[in-house]
PDB file of N, CA and C in Angstrom:
ATOM      1  N   UNK A   1       6.182 -34.050  66.507  1.00  0.00           N
ATOM      2  CA  UNK A   1       4.989 -33.616  65.835  1.00  0.00           C
ATOM      3  C   UNK A   1       4.432 -32.363  66.509  1.00  0.00           C
ATOM      4  N   UNK A   2       4.768 -32.199  67.764  1.00  0.00           N
ATOM      5  CA  UNK A   2       4.326 -31.001  68.462  1.00  0.00           C
ATOM      6  C   UNK A   2       4.896 -29.747  67.792  1.00  0.00           C
ATOM      7  N   UNK A   3       6.134 -29.838  67.296  1.00  0.00           N
ATOM      8  CA  UNK A   3       6.733 -28.707  66.595  1.00  0.00           C
ATOM      9  C   UNK A   3       5.913 -28.323  65.370  1.00  0.00           C
ATOM     10  N   UNK A   4       5.370 -29.309  64.677  1.00  0.00           N
ATOM     11  CA  UNK A   4       4.562 -29.021  63.493  1.00  0.00           C
ATOM     12  C   UNK A   4       3.272 -28.296  63.866  1.00  0.00           C
ATOM     13  N   UNK A   5       2.600 -28.786  64.883  1.00  0.00           N
ATOM     14  CA  UNK A   5       1.355 -28.127  65.276  1.00  0.00           C
ATOM     15  C   UNK A   5       1.623 -26.732  65.826  1.00  0.00           C
ATOM     16  N   UNK A   6       2.702 -26.564  66.578  1.00  0.00           N
ATOM     17  CA  UNK A   6       3.054 -25.234  67.078  1.00  0.00           C
ATOM     18  C   UNK A   6       3.454 -24.306  65.941  1.00  0.00           C
ATOM     19  N   UNK A   7       3.923 -24.861  64.841  1.00  0.00           N
ATOM     20  CA  UNK A   7       4.303 -24.074  63.677  1.00  0.00           C
ATOM     21  C   UNK A   7       3.136 -23.768  62.752  1.00  0.00           C
ATOM     22  N   UNK A   8       1.941 -24.150  63.157  1.00  0.00           N
ATOM     23  CA  UNK A   8       0.750 -23.824  62.371  1.00  0.00           C
ATOM     24  C   UNK A   8       0.316 -24.900  61.394  1.00  0.00           C
ATOM     25  N   UNK A   9       0.911 -26.066  61.482  1.00  0.00           N
ATOM     26  CA  UNK A   9       0.526 -27.148  60.580  1.00  0.00           C
ATOM     27  C   UNK A   9      -0.546 -28.019  61.230  1.00  0.00           C
ATOM     28  N   UNK A  10      -1.401 -28.587  60.404  1.00  0.00           N
ATOM     29  CA  UNK A  10      -2.468 -29.453  60.898  1.00  0.00           C
ATOM     30  C   UNK A  10      -2.682 -30.612  59.947  1.00  0.00           C
ATOM     31  N   UNK A  11      -3.760 -31.331  60.195  1.00  0.00           N
ATOM     32  CA  UNK A  11      -4.095 -32.509  59.379  1.00  0.00           C
ATOM     33  C   UNK A  11      -2.881 -33.426  59.234  1.00  0.00           C
ATOM     34  N   UNK A  12      -2.268 -33.717  60.346  1.00  0.00           N
ATOM     35  CA  UNK A  12      -1.053 -34.533  60.335  1.00  0.00           C
ATOM     36  C   UNK A  12      -1.382 -35.983  60.015  1.00  0.00           C
ATOM     37  N   UNK A  13      -0.624 -36.535  59.115  1.00  0.00           N
ATOM     38  CA  UNK A  13      -0.740 -37.944  58.777  1.00  0.00           C
ATOM     39  C   UNK A  13       0.659 -38.545  58.825  1.00  0.00           C
ATOM     40  N   UNK A  14       0.756 -39.731  59.364  1.00  0.00           N
ATOM     41  CA  UNK A  14       2.042 -40.414  59.399  1.00  0.00           C
ATOM     42  C   UNK A  14       1.924 -41.760  58.703  1.00  0.00           C
ATOM     43  N   UNK A  15       3.047 -42.225  58.212  1.00  0.00           N
ATOM     44  CA  UNK A  15       3.093 -43.566  57.639  1.00  0.00           C
ATOM     45  C   UNK A  15       4.524 -44.071  57.717  1.00  0.00           C
ATOM     46  N   UNK A  16       4.660 -45.359  57.609  1.00  0.00           N
ATOM     47  CA  UNK A  16       5.991 -45.959  57.592  1.00  0.00           C
ATOM     48  C   UNK A  16       5.965 -47.176  56.687  1.00  0.00           C
ATOM     49  N   UNK A  17       7.146 -47.539  56.243  1.00  0.00           N
ATOM     50  CA  UNK A  17       7.290 -48.761  55.463  1.00  0.00           C
ATOM     51  C   UNK A  17       8.716 -49.264  55.634  1.00  0.00           C
ATOM     52  N   UNK A  18       8.900 -50.538  55.353  1.00  0.00           N
ATOM     53  CA  UNK A  18      10.202 -51.167  55.482  1.00  0.00           C
ATOM     54  C   UNK A  18      10.810 -51.372  54.102  1.00  0.00           C
ATOM     55  N   UNK A  19      12.113 -51.227  54.034  1.00  0.00           N
ATOM     56  CA  UNK A  19      12.824 -51.404  52.776  1.00  0.00           C
ATOM     57  C   UNK A  19      14.201 -52.002  53.084  1.00  0.00           C
ATOM     58  N   UNK A  20      14.653 -52.895  52.234  1.00  0.00           N
ATOM     59  CA  UNK A  20      16.010 -53.435  52.356  1.00  0.00           C
ATOM     60  C   UNK A  20      16.939 -52.564  51.516  1.00  0.00           C
ATOM     61  N   UNK A  21      17.953 -52.013  52.148  1.00  0.00           N
ATOM     62  CA  UNK A  21      18.911 -51.152  51.464  1.00  0.00           C
ATOM     63  C   UNK A  21      20.179 -51.962  51.199  1.00  0.00           C
ATOM     64  N   UNK A  22      20.605 -52.039  49.935  1.00  0.00           N
ATOM     65  CA  UNK A  22      21.805 -52.815  49.629  1.00  0.00           C
ATOM     66  C   UNK A  22      23.090 -52.055  49.976  1.00  0.00           C
ATOM     67  N   UNK A  23      24.018 -52.755  50.573  1.00  0.00           N
ATOM     68  CA  UNK A  23      25.348 -52.225  50.901  1.00  0.00           C
ATOM     69  C   UNK A  23      26.384 -53.271  50.535  1.00  0.00           C
ATOM     70  N   UNK A  24      27.474 -52.834  49.938  1.00  0.00           N
ATOM     71  CA  UNK A  24      28.637 -53.704  49.846  1.00  0.00           C
ATOM     72  C   UNK A  24      29.230 -53.766  51.255  1.00  0.00           C
ATOM     73  N   UNK A  25      29.875 -54.872  51.615  1.00  0.00           N
ATOM     74  CA  UNK A  25      30.421 -54.978  52.976  1.00  0.00           C
ATOM     75  C   UNK A  25      31.295 -53.788  53.390  1.00  0.00           C
ATOM     76  N   UNK A  26      32.137 -53.288  52.491  1.00  0.00           N
ATOM     77  CA  UNK A  26      32.978 -52.136  52.852  1.00  0.00           C
ATOM     78  C   UNK A  26      32.144 -50.888  53.122  1.00  0.00           C
ATOM     79  N   UNK A  27      31.058 -50.717  52.377  1.00  0.00           N
ATOM     80  CA  UNK A  27      30.169 -49.577  52.620  1.00  0.00           C
ATOM     81  C   UNK A  27      29.494 -49.695  53.983  1.00  0.00           C
ATOM     82  N   UNK A  28      29.052 -50.916  54.305  1.00  0.00           N
ATOM     83  CA  UNK A  28      28.389 -51.127  55.593  1.00  0.00           C
ATOM     84  C   UNK A  28      29.363 -50.895  56.747  1.00  0.00           C
ATOM     85  N   UNK A  29      30.590 -51.374  56.592  1.00  0.00           N
ATOM     86  CA  UNK A  29      31.604 -51.136  57.616  1.00  0.00           C
ATOM     87  C   UNK A  29      31.823 -49.639  57.806  1.00  0.00           C
ATOM     88  N   UNK A  30      31.891 -48.898  56.719  1.00  0.00           N
ATOM     89  CA  UNK A  30      32.075 -47.450  56.810  1.00  0.00           C
ATOM     90  C   UNK A  30      30.925 -46.768  57.521  1.00  0.00           C
ATOM     91  N   UNK A  31      29.709 -47.210  57.230  1.00  0.00           N
ATOM     92  CA  UNK A  31      28.552 -46.607  57.891  1.00  0.00           C
ATOM     93  C   UNK A  31      28.569 -46.888  59.386  1.00  0.00           C
ATOM     94  N   UNK A  32      28.843 -48.107  59.758  1.00  0.00           N
ATOM     95  CA  UNK A  32      28.884 -48.470  61.176  1.00  0.00           C
ATOM     96  C   UNK A  32      30.057 -47.780  61.870  1.00  0.00           C
ATOM     97  N   UNK A  33      31.212 -47.742  61.210  1.00  0.00           N
ATOM     98  CA  UNK A  33      32.399 -47.096  61.778  1.00  0.00           C
ATOM     99  C   UNK A  33      32.133 -45.618  62.062  1.00  0.00           C
ATOM    100  N   UNK A  34      31.332 -44.970  61.211  1.00  0.00           N
ATOM    101  CA  UNK A  34      31.051 -43.538  61.368  1.00  0.00           C
ATOM    102  C   UNK A  34      29.937 -43.251  62.377  1.00  0.00           C
ATOM    103  N   UNK A  35      29.268 -44.277  62.871  1.00  0.00           N
ATOM    104  CA  UNK A  35      28.145 -44.055  63.785  1.00  0.00           C
ATOM    105  C   UNK A  35      28.619 -43.500  65.130  1.00  0.00           C
ATOM    106  N   UNK A  36      27.715 -42.870  65.829  1.00  0.00           N
ATOM    107  CA  UNK A  36      28.042 -42.249  67.117  1.00  0.00           C
ATOM    108  C   UNK A  36      28.537 -43.270  68.138  1.00  0.00           C
ATOM    109  N   UNK A  37      28.084 -44.501  68.037  1.00  0.00           N
ATOM    110  CA  UNK A  37      28.497 -45.524  69.002  1.00  0.00           C
ATOM    111  C   UNK A  37      29.920 -46.005  68.767  1.00  0.00           C
ATOM    112  N   UNK A  38      30.486 -45.698  67.613  1.00  0.00           N
ATOM    113  CA  UNK A  38      31.837 -46.170  67.309  1.00  0.00           C
ATOM    114  C   UNK A  38      32.791 -44.983  67.219  1.00  0.00           C
ATOM    115  N   UNK A  39      32.744 -44.248  66.113  1.00  0.00           N
ATOM    116  CA  UNK A  39      33.738 -43.190  65.868  1.00  0.00           C
ATOM    117  C   UNK A  39      33.696 -42.080  66.913  1.00  0.00           C
ATOM    118  N   UNK A  40      32.519 -41.730  67.373  1.00  0.00           N
ATOM    119  CA  UNK A  40      32.413 -40.625  68.328  1.00  0.00           C
ATOM    120  C   UNK A  40      32.634 -41.073  69.771  1.00  0.00           C
ATOM    121  N   UNK A  41      32.703 -42.386  69.995  1.00  0.00           N
ATOM    122  CA  UNK A  41      32.798 -42.886  71.363  1.00  0.00           C
ATOM    123  C   UNK A  41      34.113 -43.594  71.683  1.00  0.00           C
ATOM    124  N   UNK A  42      34.833 -44.009  70.653  1.00  0.00           N
ATOM    125  CA  UNK A  42      36.031 -44.808  70.877  1.00  0.00           C
ATOM    126  C   UNK A  42      37.274 -44.065  70.407  1.00  0.00           C
ATOM    127  N   UNK A  43      38.402 -44.452  70.955  1.00  0.00           N
ATOM    128  CA  UNK A  43      39.673 -43.895  70.489  1.00  0.00           C
ATOM    129  C   UNK A  43      39.957 -44.418  69.082  1.00  0.00           C
ATOM    130  N   UNK A  44      40.853 -43.783  68.379  1.00  0.00           N
ATOM    131  CA  UNK A  44      41.221 -44.227  67.037  1.00  0.00           C
ATOM    132  C   UNK A  44      41.689 -45.659  66.999  1.00  0.00           C
ATOM    133  N   UNK A  45      42.453 -46.043  68.003  1.00  0.00           N
ATOM    134  CA  UNK A  45      42.952 -47.416  68.084  1.00  0.00           C
ATOM    135  C   UNK A  45      41.805 -48.413  68.262  1.00  0.00           C
ATOM    136  N   UNK A  46      40.849 -48.062  69.110  1.00  0.00           N
ATOM    137  CA  UNK A  46      39.701 -48.957  69.345  1.00  0.00           C
ATOM    138  C   UNK A  46      38.768 -48.997  68.146  1.00  0.00           C
ATOM    139  N   UNK A  47      38.647 -47.871  67.417  1.00  0.00           N
ATOM    140  CA  UNK A  47      37.846 -47.864  66.192  1.00  0.00           C
ATOM    141  C   UNK A  47      38.466 -48.828  65.179  1.00  0.00           C
ATOM    142  N   UNK A  48      39.786 -48.782  65.019  1.00  0.00           N
ATOM    143  CA  UNK A  48      40.474 -49.672  64.084  1.00  0.00           C
ATOM    144  C   UNK A  48      40.291 -51.135  64.485  1.00  0.00           C
ATOM    145  N   UNK A  49      40.374 -51.427  65.775  1.00  0.00           N
ATOM    146  CA  UNK A  49      40.179 -52.806  66.245  1.00  0.00           C
ATOM    147  C   UNK A  49      38.747 -53.262  66.004  1.00  0.00           C
ATOM    148  N   UNK A  50      37.781 -52.385  66.297  1.00  0.00           N
ATOM    149  CA  UNK A  50      36.376 -52.712  66.043  1.00  0.00           C
ATOM    150  C   UNK A  50      36.169 -53.000  64.562  1.00  0.00           C
ATOM    151  N   UNK A  51      36.714 -52.135  63.699  1.00  0.00           N
ATOM    152  CA  UNK A  51      36.531 -52.296  62.266  1.00  0.00           C
ATOM    153  C   UNK A  51      37.126 -53.605  61.772  1.00  0.00           C
ATOM    154  N   UNK A  52      38.287 -53.979  62.280  1.00  0.00           N
ATOM    155  CA  UNK A  52      38.909 -55.251  61.889  1.00  0.00           C
ATOM    156  C   UNK A  52      38.041 -56.429  62.319  1.00  0.00           C
ATOM    157  N   UNK A  53      37.518 -56.384  63.543  1.00  0.00           N
ATOM    158  CA  UNK A  53      36.636 -57.451  64.026  1.00  0.00           C
ATOM    159  C   UNK A  53      35.346 -57.504  63.202  1.00  0.00           C
ATOM    160  N   UNK A  54      34.813 -56.344  62.880  1.00  0.00           N
ATOM    161  CA  UNK A  54      33.578 -56.268  62.087  1.00  0.00           C
ATOM    162  C   UNK A  54      33.815 -56.865  60.702  1.00  0.00           C
ATOM    163  N   UNK A  55      34.935 -56.527  60.064  1.00  0.00           N
ATOM    164  CA  UNK A  55      35.262 -57.065  58.746  1.00  0.00           C
ATOM    165  C   UNK A  55      35.375 -58.585  58.795  1.00  0.00           C
ATOM    166  N   UNK A  56      36.016 -59.085  59.825  1.00  0.00           N
ATOM    167  CA  UNK A  56      36.180 -60.527  59.987  1.00  0.00           C
ATOM    168  C   UNK A  56      34.820 -61.207  60.159  1.00  0.00           C
ATOM    169  N   UNK A  57      33.964 -60.635  60.967  1.00  0.00           N
ATOM    170  CA  UNK A  57      32.631 -61.199  61.190  1.00  0.00           C
ATOM    171  C   UNK A  57      31.817 -61.212  59.900  1.00  0.00           C
ATOM    172  N   UNK A  58      31.877 -60.130  59.139  1.00  0.00           N
ATOM    173  CA  UNK A  58      31.125 -60.077  57.884  1.00  0.00           C
ATOM    174  C   UNK A  58      31.604 -61.155  56.913  1.00  0.00           C
ATOM    175  N   UNK A  59      32.922 -61.338  56.801  1.00  0.00           N
ATOM    176  CA  UNK A  59      33.467 -62.375  55.913  1.00  0.00           C
ATOM    177  C   UNK A  59      33.032 -63.763  56.363  1.00  0.00           C
ATOM    178  N   UNK A  60      33.023 -64.006  57.667  1.00  0.00           N
ATOM    179  CA  UNK A  60      32.698 -65.334  58.201  1.00  0.00           C
ATOM    180  C   UNK A  60      31.211 -65.669  58.109  1.00  0.00           C
ATOM    181  N   UNK A  61      30.352 -64.673  58.301  1.00  0.00           N
ATOM    182  CA  UNK A  61      28.922 -64.956  58.409  1.00  0.00           C
ATOM    183  C   UNK A  61      28.103 -64.639  57.163  1.00  0.00           C
ATOM    184  N   UNK A  62      28.654 -63.855  56.245  1.00  0.00           N
ATOM    185  CA  UNK A  62      27.897 -63.452  55.072  1.00  0.00           C
ATOM    186  C   UNK A  62      28.747 -63.674  53.830  1.00  0.00           C
ATOM    187  N   UNK A  63      28.379 -64.670  53.047  1.00  0.00           N
ATOM    188  CA  UNK A  63      29.163 -64.999  51.860  1.00  0.00           C
ATOM    189  C   UNK A  63      28.724 -64.208  50.629  1.00  0.00           C
ATOM    190  N   UNK A  64      27.672 -63.431  50.744  1.00  0.00           N
ATOM    191  CA  UNK A  64      27.161 -62.693  49.594  1.00  0.00           C
ATOM    192  C   UNK A  64      27.983 -61.426  49.344  1.00  0.00           C
ATOM    193  N   UNK A  65      27.908 -60.948  48.101  1.00  0.00           N
ATOM    194  CA  UNK A  65      28.630 -59.727  47.734  1.00  0.00           C
ATOM    195  C   UNK A  65      27.938 -58.469  48.237  1.00  0.00           C
ATOM    196  N   UNK A  66      26.610 -58.551  48.362  1.00  0.00           N
ATOM    197  CA  UNK A  66      25.816 -57.392  48.777  1.00  0.00           C
ATOM    198  C   UNK A  66      24.992 -57.778  49.996  1.00  0.00           C
ATOM    199  N   UNK A  67      25.030 -56.919  51.012  1.00  0.00           N
ATOM    200  CA  UNK A  67      24.216 -57.118  52.216  1.00  0.00           C
ATOM    201  C   UNK A  67      22.922 -56.341  52.052  1.00  0.00           C
ATOM    202  N   UNK A  68      21.797 -56.951  52.372  1.00  0.00           N
ATOM    203  CA  UNK A  68      20.515 -56.250  52.360  1.00  0.00           C
ATOM    204  C   UNK A  68      20.181 -55.898  53.805  1.00  0.00           C
ATOM    205  N   UNK A  69      20.296 -54.614  54.129  1.00  0.00           N
ATOM    206  CA  UNK A  69      20.120 -54.144  55.494  1.00  0.00           C
ATOM    207  C   UNK A  69      18.723 -53.566  55.645  1.00  0.00           C
ATOM    208  N   UNK A  70      17.900 -54.126  56.549  1.00  0.00           N
ATOM    209  CA  UNK A  70      16.539 -53.613  56.702  1.00  0.00           C
ATOM    210  C   UNK A  70      16.529 -52.213  57.334  1.00  0.00           C
ATOM    211  N   UNK A  71      15.733 -51.345  56.758  1.00  0.00           N
ATOM    212  CA  UNK A  71      15.545 -49.986  57.258  1.00  0.00           C
ATOM    213  C   UNK A  71      14.040 -49.715  57.353  1.00  0.00           C
ATOM    214  N   UNK A  72      13.656 -48.920  58.309  1.00  0.00           N
ATOM    215  CA  UNK A  72      12.273 -48.471  58.417  1.00  0.00           C
ATOM    216  C   UNK A  72      12.243 -46.989  58.077  1.00  0.00           C
ATOM    217  N   UNK A  73      11.385 -46.637  57.122  1.00  0.00           N
ATOM    218  CA  UNK A  73      11.187 -45.250  56.719  1.00  0.00           C
ATOM    219  C   UNK A  73       9.928 -44.753  57.414  1.00  0.00           C
ATOM    220  N   UNK A  74      10.027 -43.619  58.086  1.00  0.00           N
ATOM    221  CA  UNK A  74       8.880 -43.018  58.766  1.00  0.00           C
ATOM    222  C   UNK A  74       8.716 -41.599  58.228  1.00  0.00           C
ATOM    223  N   UNK A  75       7.484 -41.232  57.943  1.00  0.00           N
ATOM    224  CA  UNK A  75       7.242 -39.903  57.380  1.00  0.00           C
ATOM    225  C   UNK A  75       6.001 -39.288  57.999  1.00  0.00           C
ATOM    226  N   UNK A  76       5.967 -37.983  57.956  1.00  0.00           N
ATOM    227  CA  UNK A  76       4.791 -37.231  58.392  1.00  0.00           C
ATOM    228  C   UNK A  76       4.439 -36.252  57.282  1.00  0.00           C
ATOM    229  N   UNK A  77       3.142 -36.156  56.996  1.00  0.00           N
ATOM    230  CA  UNK A  77       2.628 -35.181  56.052  1.00  0.00           C
ATOM    231  C   UNK A  77       1.820 -34.187  56.855  1.00  0.00           C
ATOM    232  N   UNK A  78       2.106 -32.906  56.671  1.00  0.00           N
ATOM    233  CA  UNK A  78       1.411 -31.849  57.419  1.00  0.00           C
ATOM    234  C   UNK A  78       0.970 -30.764  56.432  1.00  0.00           C
ATOM    235  N   UNK A  79      -0.155 -30.175  56.715  1.00  0.00           N
ATOM    236  CA  UNK A  79      -0.685 -29.123  55.843  1.00  0.00           C
ATOM    237  C   UNK A  79      -0.785 -27.814  56.598  1.00  0.00           C
ATOM    238  N   UNK A  80      -0.408 -26.754  55.902  1.00  0.00           N
ATOM    239  CA  UNK A  80      -0.477 -25.417  56.516  1.00  0.00           C
ATOM    240  C   UNK A  80      -1.923 -24.930  56.562  1.00  0.00           C
TER     241      UNK A  80
END
């Protein structure tokens, strides 16, 4: 927010809300696989092993077709 005030913006207001975002299991696996903690940190072989374990866990623990993943949306409104 300091960048906004240094850029000449004022009357800063922030808000947040929670929303469940639907993902098919394969979509969720892809998102997690692409995250910095997985794809950018592990070798290709370890990424594949992680993905296989993740797929197995999702099948075992979630019988639904769509996963509802909680997300928090945070926003700032600033006026010039």
